[in-house]
Amino acid sequence: MKPASNIVTLSSKYQVVIPSAIRERLDLKPGAQLTWIEFDGAAHLVPLKPVSAYRGMARALKDSDIPCEPDRL
């Protein structure tokens, strides 16, 4: 995925407009929910997806792909 670098301006009402290229690439529609994540001095805007969107994402993993740790007591 190609990183997007678009400059936006914060309005007097603290609003920003998501550039159309980013909206299209992320398939954002009106009413989409997003969350802000602040990390290491940067703010990341992340689209929220329903839980059903993650169904089957680990299907290709095999038990051998997951490292085992000895039991801890």
PDB file of N, CA and C in Angstrom:
ATOM      1  N   MET A   1       0.845  -1.174   0.000  1.00  0.00           N
ATOM      2  CA  MET A   1       0.000   0.000   0.000  1.00  0.00           C
ATOM      3  C   MET A   1       0.889   1.236   0.000  1.00  0.00           C
ATOM      4  N   LYS A   2       0.572   2.170  -0.836  1.00  0.00           N
ATOM      5  CA  LYS A   2       1.340   3.403  -0.963  1.00  0.00           C
ATOM      6  C   LYS A   2       0.911   4.406   0.108  1.00  0.00           C
ATOM      7  N   PRO A   3       1.860   4.955   0.885  1.00  0.00           N
ATOM      8  CA  PRO A   3       1.473   5.939   1.904  1.00  0.00           C
ATOM      9  C   PRO A   3       0.954   7.215   1.261  1.00  0.00           C
ATOM     10  N   ALA A   4      -0.052   7.781   1.883  1.00  0.00           N
ATOM     11  CA  ALA A   4      -0.636   9.014   1.371  1.00  0.00           C
ATOM     12  C   ALA A   4      -0.053  10.197   2.127  1.00  0.00           C
ATOM     13  N   SER A   5       0.314  11.223   1.405  1.00  0.00           N
ATOM     14  CA  SER A   5       0.798  12.426   2.062  1.00  0.00           C
ATOM     15  C   SER A   5       0.029  13.605   1.485  1.00  0.00           C
ATOM     16  N   ASN A   6      -1.005  13.971   2.171  1.00  0.00           N
ATOM     17  CA  ASN A   6      -1.817  15.115   1.790  1.00  0.00           C
ATOM     18  C   ASN A   6      -1.864  16.060   2.973  1.00  0.00           C
ATOM     19  N   ILE A   7      -1.804  17.327   2.698  1.00  0.00           N
ATOM     20  CA  ILE A   7      -1.858  18.330   3.756  1.00  0.00           C
ATOM     21  C   ILE A   7      -3.293  18.819   3.886  1.00  0.00           C
ATOM     22  N   VAL A   8      -3.791  18.821   5.106  1.00  0.00           N
ATOM     23  CA  VAL A   8      -5.127  19.337   5.386  1.00  0.00           C
ATOM     24  C   VAL A   8      -4.999  20.439   6.422  1.00  0.00           C
ATOM     25  N   THR A   9      -6.011  21.284   6.493  1.00  0.00           N
ATOM     26  CA  THR A   9      -6.009  22.407   7.424  1.00  0.00           C
ATOM     27  C   THR A   9      -7.092  22.204   8.472  1.00  0.00           C
ATOM     28  N   LEU A  10      -6.748  22.444   9.710  1.00  0.00           N
ATOM     29  CA  LEU A  10      -7.702  22.363  10.810  1.00  0.00           C
ATOM     30  C   LEU A  10      -8.542  23.630  10.806  1.00  0.00           C
ATOM     31  N   SER A  11      -9.872  23.474  10.756  1.00  0.00           N
ATOM     32  CA  SER A  11     -10.757  24.649  10.708  1.00  0.00           C
ATOM     33  C   SER A  11     -10.903  25.266  12.096  1.00  0.00           C
ATOM     34  N   SER A  12     -11.564  26.403  12.154  1.00  0.00           N
ATOM     35  CA  SER A  12     -11.798  27.068  13.440  1.00  0.00           C
ATOM     36  C   SER A  12     -12.711  26.235  14.336  1.00  0.00           C
ATOM     37  N   LYS A  13     -13.439  25.287  13.750  1.00  0.00           N
ATOM     38  CA  LYS A  13     -14.291  24.373  14.525  1.00  0.00           C
ATOM     39  C   LYS A  13     -13.578  23.045  14.786  1.00  0.00           C
ATOM     40  N   TYR A  14     -12.261  23.018  14.563  1.00  0.00           N
ATOM     41  CA  TYR A  14     -11.435  21.826  14.773  1.00  0.00           C
ATOM     42  C   TYR A  14     -11.861  20.661  13.872  1.00  0.00           C
ATOM     43  N   GLN A  15     -12.244  20.980  12.653  1.00  0.00           N
ATOM     44  CA  GLN A  15     -12.637  19.958  11.687  1.00  0.00           C
ATOM     45  C   GLN A  15     -11.581  19.846  10.594  1.00  0.00           C
ATOM     46  N   VAL A  16     -11.438  18.637  10.040  1.00  0.00           N
ATOM     47  CA  VAL A  16     -10.558  18.418   8.894  1.00  0.00           C
ATOM     48  C   VAL A  16     -11.356  17.676   7.823  1.00  0.00           C
ATOM     49  N   VAL A  17     -10.939  17.846   6.578  1.00  0.00           N
ATOM     50  CA  VAL A  17     -11.557  17.133   5.473  1.00  0.00           C
ATOM     51  C   VAL A  17     -10.587  16.045   5.031  1.00  0.00           C
ATOM     52  N   ILE A  18     -11.093  14.824   4.931  1.00  0.00           N
ATOM     53  CA  ILE A  18     -10.258  13.717   4.462  1.00  0.00           C
ATOM     54  C   ILE A  18     -10.171  13.836   2.947  1.00  0.00           C
ATOM     55  N   PRO A  19      -8.973  13.938   2.394  1.00  0.00           N
ATOM     56  CA  PRO A  19      -8.829  14.091   0.942  1.00  0.00           C
ATOM     57  C   PRO A  19      -9.493  12.944   0.173  1.00  0.00           C
ATOM     58  N   SER A  20     -10.026  13.259  -0.988  1.00  0.00           N
ATOM     59  CA  SER A  20     -10.783  12.275  -1.761  1.00  0.00           C
ATOM     60  C   SER A  20      -9.955  11.052  -2.126  1.00  0.00           C
ATOM     61  N   ALA A  21      -8.666  11.223  -2.420  1.00  0.00           N
ATOM     62  CA  ALA A  21      -7.836  10.070  -2.776  1.00  0.00           C
ATOM     63  C   ALA A  21      -7.771   9.071  -1.619  1.00  0.00           C
ATOM     64  N   ILE A  22      -7.688   9.575  -0.392  1.00  0.00           N
ATOM     65  CA  ILE A  22      -7.638   8.702   0.779  1.00  0.00           C
ATOM     66  C   ILE A  22      -9.000   8.073   1.027  1.00  0.00           C
ATOM     67  N   ARG A  23     -10.073   8.864   0.894  1.00  0.00           N
ATOM     68  CA  ARG A  23     -11.428   8.318   1.078  1.00  0.00           C
ATOM     69  C   ARG A  23     -11.690   7.182   0.102  1.00  0.00           C
ATOM     70  N   GLU A  24     -11.266   7.361  -1.134  1.00  0.00           N
ATOM     71  CA  GLU A  24     -11.487   6.322  -2.143  1.00  0.00           C
ATOM     72  C   GLU A  24     -10.645   5.087  -1.858  1.00  0.00           C
ATOM     73  N   ARG A  25      -9.382   5.290  -1.500  1.00  0.00           N
ATOM     74  CA  ARG A  25      -8.489   4.163  -1.243  1.00  0.00           C
ATOM     75  C   ARG A  25      -8.965   3.340  -0.052  1.00  0.00           C
ATOM     76  N   LEU A  26      -9.504   4.007   0.971  1.00  0.00           N
ATOM     77  CA  LEU A  26      -9.991   3.313   2.164  1.00  0.00           C
ATOM     78  C   LEU A  26     -11.468   2.947   2.071  1.00  0.00           C
ATOM     79  N   ASP A  27     -12.101   3.300   0.967  1.00  0.00           N
ATOM     80  CA  ASP A  27     -13.530   3.031   0.735  1.00  0.00           C
ATOM     81  C   ASP A  27     -14.388   3.598   1.868  1.00  0.00           C
ATOM     82  N   LEU A  28     -14.117   4.852   2.243  1.00  0.00           N
ATOM     83  CA  LEU A  28     -14.890   5.520   3.288  1.00  0.00           C
ATOM     84  C   LEU A  28     -16.144   6.129   2.685  1.00  0.00           C
ATOM     85  N   LYS A  29     -17.243   5.929   3.353  1.00  0.00           N
ATOM     86  CA  LYS A  29     -18.540   6.460   2.924  1.00  0.00           C
ATOM     87  C   LYS A  29     -19.066   7.386   4.007  1.00  0.00           C
ATOM     88  N   PRO A  30     -20.015   8.279   3.663  1.00  0.00           N
ATOM     89  CA  PRO A  30     -20.614   9.128   4.696  1.00  0.00           C
ATOM     90  C   PRO A  30     -21.201   8.266   5.815  1.00  0.00           C
ATOM     91  N   GLY A  31     -20.967   8.677   7.035  1.00  0.00           N
ATOM     92  CA  GLY A  31     -21.451   7.938   8.196  1.00  0.00           C
ATOM     93  C   GLY A  31     -20.457   6.911   8.719  1.00  0.00           C
ATOM     94  N   ALA A  32     -19.340   6.729   8.013  1.00  0.00           N
ATOM     95  CA  ALA A  32     -18.324   5.772   8.478  1.00  0.00           C
ATOM     96  C   ALA A  32     -17.788   6.239   9.827  1.00  0.00           C
ATOM     97  N   GLN A  33     -17.491   5.297  10.694  1.00  0.00           N
ATOM     98  CA  GLN A  33     -16.945   5.637  11.999  1.00  0.00           C
ATOM     99  C   GLN A  33     -15.433   5.461  11.969  1.00  0.00           C
ATOM    100  N   LEU A  34     -14.750   6.422  12.576  1.00  0.00           N
ATOM    101  CA  LEU A  34     -13.294   6.397  12.655  1.00  0.00           C
ATOM    102  C   LEU A  34     -12.895   6.672  14.098  1.00  0.00           C
ATOM    103  N   THR A  35     -11.716   6.219  14.460  1.00  0.00           N
ATOM    104  CA  THR A  35     -11.220   6.491  15.803  1.00  0.00           C
ATOM    105  C   THR A  35      -9.829   7.103  15.710  1.00  0.00           C
ATOM    106  N   TRP A  36      -9.541   8.007  16.626  1.00  0.00           N
ATOM    107  CA  TRP A  36      -8.221   8.623  16.702  1.00  0.00           C
ATOM    108  C   TRP A  36      -7.373   7.813  17.650  1.00  0.00           C
ATOM    109  N   ILE A  37      -6.154   7.538  17.249  1.00  0.00           N
ATOM    110  CA  ILE A  37      -5.199   6.868  18.116  1.00  0.00           C
ATOM    111  C   ILE A  37      -3.970   7.767  18.190  1.00  0.00           C
ATOM    112  N   GLU A  38      -3.628   8.183  19.399  1.00  0.00           N
ATOM    113  CA  GLU A  38      -2.446   9.014  19.587  1.00  0.00           C
ATOM    114  C   GLU A  38      -1.303   8.107  20.019  1.00  0.00           C
ATOM    115  N   PHE A  39      -0.191   8.184  19.306  1.00  0.00           N
ATOM    116  CA  PHE A  39       0.957   7.338  19.628  1.00  0.00           C
ATOM    117  C   PHE A  39       2.234   8.069  19.276  1.00  0.00           C
ATOM    118  N   ASP A  40       3.105   8.203  20.231  1.00  0.00           N
ATOM    119  CA  ASP A  40       4.438   8.770  20.015  1.00  0.00           C
ATOM    120  C   ASP A  40       4.386  10.145  19.342  1.00  0.00           C
ATOM    121  N   GLY A  41       3.462  10.984  19.794  1.00  0.00           N
ATOM    122  CA  GLY A  41       3.374  12.348  19.282  1.00  0.00           C
ATOM    123  C   GLY A  41       2.670  12.498  17.947  1.00  0.00           C
ATOM    124  N   ALA A  42       2.062  11.422  17.440  1.00  0.00           N
ATOM    125  CA  ALA A  42       1.342  11.483  16.169  1.00  0.00           C
ATOM    126  C   ALA A  42      -0.092  11.008  16.385  1.00  0.00           C
ATOM    127  N   ALA A  43      -1.012  11.566  15.616  1.00  0.00           N
ATOM    128  CA  ALA A  43      -2.412  11.152  15.677  1.00  0.00           C
ATOM    129  C   ALA A  43      -2.725  10.333  14.432  1.00  0.00           C
ATOM    130  N   HIS A  44      -3.295   9.159  14.649  1.00  0.00           N
ATOM    131  CA  HIS A  44      -3.659   8.272  13.553  1.00  0.00           C
ATOM    132  C   HIS A  44      -5.175   8.142  13.521  1.00  0.00           C
ATOM    133  N   LEU A  45      -5.760   8.317  12.372  1.00  0.00           N
ATOM    134  CA  LEU A  45      -7.199   8.184  12.194  1.00  0.00           C
ATOM    135  C   LEU A  45      -7.448   6.827  11.569  1.00  0.00           C
ATOM    136  N   VAL A  46      -8.165   5.945  12.289  1.00  0.00           N
ATOM    137  CA  VAL A  46      -8.342   4.562  11.859  1.00  0.00           C
ATOM    138  C   VAL A  46      -9.828   4.270  11.650  1.00  0.00           C
ATOM    139  N   PRO A  47     -10.198   3.772  10.458  1.00  0.00           N
ATOM    140  CA  PRO A  47     -11.602   3.401  10.234  1.00  0.00           C
ATOM    141  C   PRO A  47     -11.979   2.203  11.102  1.00  0.00           C
ATOM    142  N   LEU A  48     -13.160   2.254  11.704  1.00  0.00           N
ATOM    143  CA  LEU A  48     -13.664   1.135  12.479  1.00  0.00           C
ATOM    144  C   LEU A  48     -14.422   0.201  11.544  1.00  0.00           C
ATOM    145  N   LYS A  49     -14.192  -1.083  11.706  1.00  0.00           N
ATOM    146  CA  LYS A  49     -14.876  -2.080  10.889  1.00  0.00           C
ATOM    147  C   LYS A  49     -15.709  -2.954  11.807  1.00  0.00           C
ATOM    148  N   PRO A  50     -16.805  -3.496  11.284  1.00  0.00           N
ATOM    149  CA  PRO A  50     -17.576  -4.416  12.118  1.00  0.00           C
ATOM    150  C   PRO A  50     -16.774  -5.691  12.366  1.00  0.00           C
ATOM    151  N   VAL A  51     -17.062  -6.371  13.457  1.00  0.00           N
ATOM    152  CA  VAL A  51     -16.346  -7.591  13.807  1.00  0.00           C
ATOM    153  C   VAL A  51     -16.426  -8.607  12.671  1.00  0.00           C
ATOM    154  N   SER A  52     -17.539  -8.630  11.961  1.00  0.00           N
ATOM    155  CA  SER A  52     -17.708  -9.603  10.876  1.00  0.00           C
ATOM    156  C   SER A  52     -16.672  -9.411   9.766  1.00  0.00           C
ATOM    157  N   ALA A  53     -16.099  -8.227   9.642  1.00  0.00           N
ATOM    158  CA  ALA A  53     -15.087  -7.979   8.612  1.00  0.00           C
ATOM    159  C   ALA A  53     -13.799  -8.745   8.882  1.00  0.00           C
ATOM    160  N   TYR A  54     -13.595  -9.176  10.121  1.00  0.00           N
ATOM    161  CA  TYR A  54     -12.383  -9.895  10.488  1.00  0.00           C
ATOM    162  C   TYR A  54     -12.551 -11.418  10.448  1.00  0.00           C
ATOM    163  N   ARG A  55     -13.748 -11.873  10.114  1.00  0.00           N
ATOM    164  CA  ARG A  55     -14.019 -13.311  10.058  1.00  0.00           C
ATOM    165  C   ARG A  55     -13.101 -13.979   9.042  1.00  0.00           C
ATOM    166  N   GLY A  56     -12.417 -15.016   9.476  1.00  0.00           N
ATOM    167  CA  GLY A  56     -11.582 -15.810   8.582  1.00  0.00           C
ATOM    168  C   GLY A  56     -10.206 -15.242   8.306  1.00  0.00           C
ATOM    169  N   MET A  57      -9.827 -14.144   8.954  1.00  0.00           N
ATOM    170  CA  MET A  57      -8.537 -13.531   8.631  1.00  0.00           C
ATOM    171  C   MET A  57      -7.347 -14.394   9.044  1.00  0.00           C
ATOM    172  N   ALA A  58      -7.532 -15.321   9.977  1.00  0.00           N
ATOM    173  CA  ALA A  58      -6.430 -16.179  10.415  1.00  0.00           C
ATOM    174  C   ALA A  58      -6.556 -17.584   9.840  1.00  0.00           C
ATOM    175  N   ARG A  59      -7.406 -17.743   8.855  1.00  0.00           N
ATOM    176  CA  ARG A  59      -7.677 -19.057   8.278  1.00  0.00           C
ATOM    177  C   ARG A  59      -6.410 -19.731   7.757  1.00  0.00           C
ATOM    178  N   ALA A  60      -5.489 -18.989   7.202  1.00  0.00           N
ATOM    179  CA  ALA A  60      -4.289 -19.557   6.596  1.00  0.00           C
ATOM    180  C   ALA A  60      -3.234 -19.960   7.634  1.00  0.00           C
ATOM    181  N   LEU A  61      -3.411 -19.547   8.890  1.00  0.00           N
ATOM    182  CA  LEU A  61      -2.440 -19.907   9.921  1.00  0.00           C
ATOM    183  C   LEU A  61      -2.555 -21.382  10.283  1.00  0.00           C
ATOM    184  N   LYS A  62      -1.431 -21.990  10.536  1.00  0.00           N
ATOM    185  CA  LYS A  62      -1.392 -23.374  11.005  1.00  0.00           C
ATOM    186  C   LYS A  62      -0.841 -23.360  12.422  1.00  0.00           C
ATOM    187  N   ASP A  63      -1.121 -24.411  13.159  1.00  0.00           N
ATOM    188  CA  ASP A  63      -0.609 -24.493  14.531  1.00  0.00           C
ATOM    189  C   ASP A  63       0.907 -24.366  14.566  1.00  0.00           C
ATOM    190  N   SER A  64       1.571 -24.865  13.534  1.00  0.00           N
ATOM    191  CA  SER A  64       3.026 -24.810  13.504  1.00  0.00           C
ATOM    192  C   SER A  64       3.554 -23.394  13.285  1.00  0.00           C
ATOM    193  N   ASP A  65       2.693 -22.485  12.819  1.00  0.00           N
ATOM    194  CA  ASP A  65       3.104 -21.094  12.601  1.00  0.00           C
ATOM    195  C   ASP A  65       3.127 -20.292  13.896  1.00  0.00           C
ATOM    196  N   ILE A  66       2.487 -20.816  14.928  1.00  0.00           N
ATOM    197  CA  ILE A  66       2.376 -20.100  16.193  1.00  0.00           C
ATOM    198  C   ILE A  66       3.403 -20.671  17.163  1.00  0.00           C
ATOM    199  N   PRO A  67       4.344 -19.833  17.628  1.00  0.00           N
ATOM    200  CA  PRO A  67       5.374 -20.356  18.535  1.00  0.00           C
ATOM    201  C   PRO A  67       4.765 -20.790  19.866  1.00  0.00           C
ATOM    202  N   CYS A  68       5.231 -21.898  20.361  1.00  0.00           N
ATOM    203  CA  CYS A  68       4.756 -22.413  21.647  1.00  0.00           C
ATOM    204  C   CYS A  68       5.699 -21.964  22.756  1.00  0.00           C
ATOM    205  N   GLU A  69       5.115 -21.650  23.879  1.00  0.00           N
ATOM    206  CA  GLU A  69       5.899 -21.314  25.055  1.00  0.00           C
ATOM    207  C   GLU A  69       5.627 -22.375  26.117  1.00  0.00           C
ATOM    208  N   PRO A  70       6.632 -22.695  26.900  1.00  0.00           N
ATOM    209  CA  PRO A  70       6.392 -23.662  27.966  1.00  0.00           C
ATOM    210  C   PRO A  70       5.390 -23.100  28.977  1.00  0.00           C
ATOM    211  N   ASP A  71       4.660 -24.007  29.609  1.00  0.00           N
ATOM    212  CA  ASP A  71       3.702 -23.564  30.626  1.00  0.00           C
ATOM    213  C   ASP A  71       4.419 -22.809  31.718  1.00  0.00           C
ATOM    214  N   ARG A  72       3.755 -21.786  32.204  1.00  0.00           N
ATOM    215  CA  ARG A  72       4.330 -20.966  33.272  1.00  0.00           C
ATOM    216  C   ARG A  72       3.541 -21.221  34.544  1.00  0.00           C
ATOM    217  N   LEU A  73       4.241 -21.440  35.611  1.00  0.00           N
ATOM    218  CA  LEU A  73       3.594 -21.638  36.903  1.00  0.00           C
ATOM    219  C   LEU A  73       4.133 -20.675  37.917  1.00  0.00           C
TER     220      LEU A  73
END
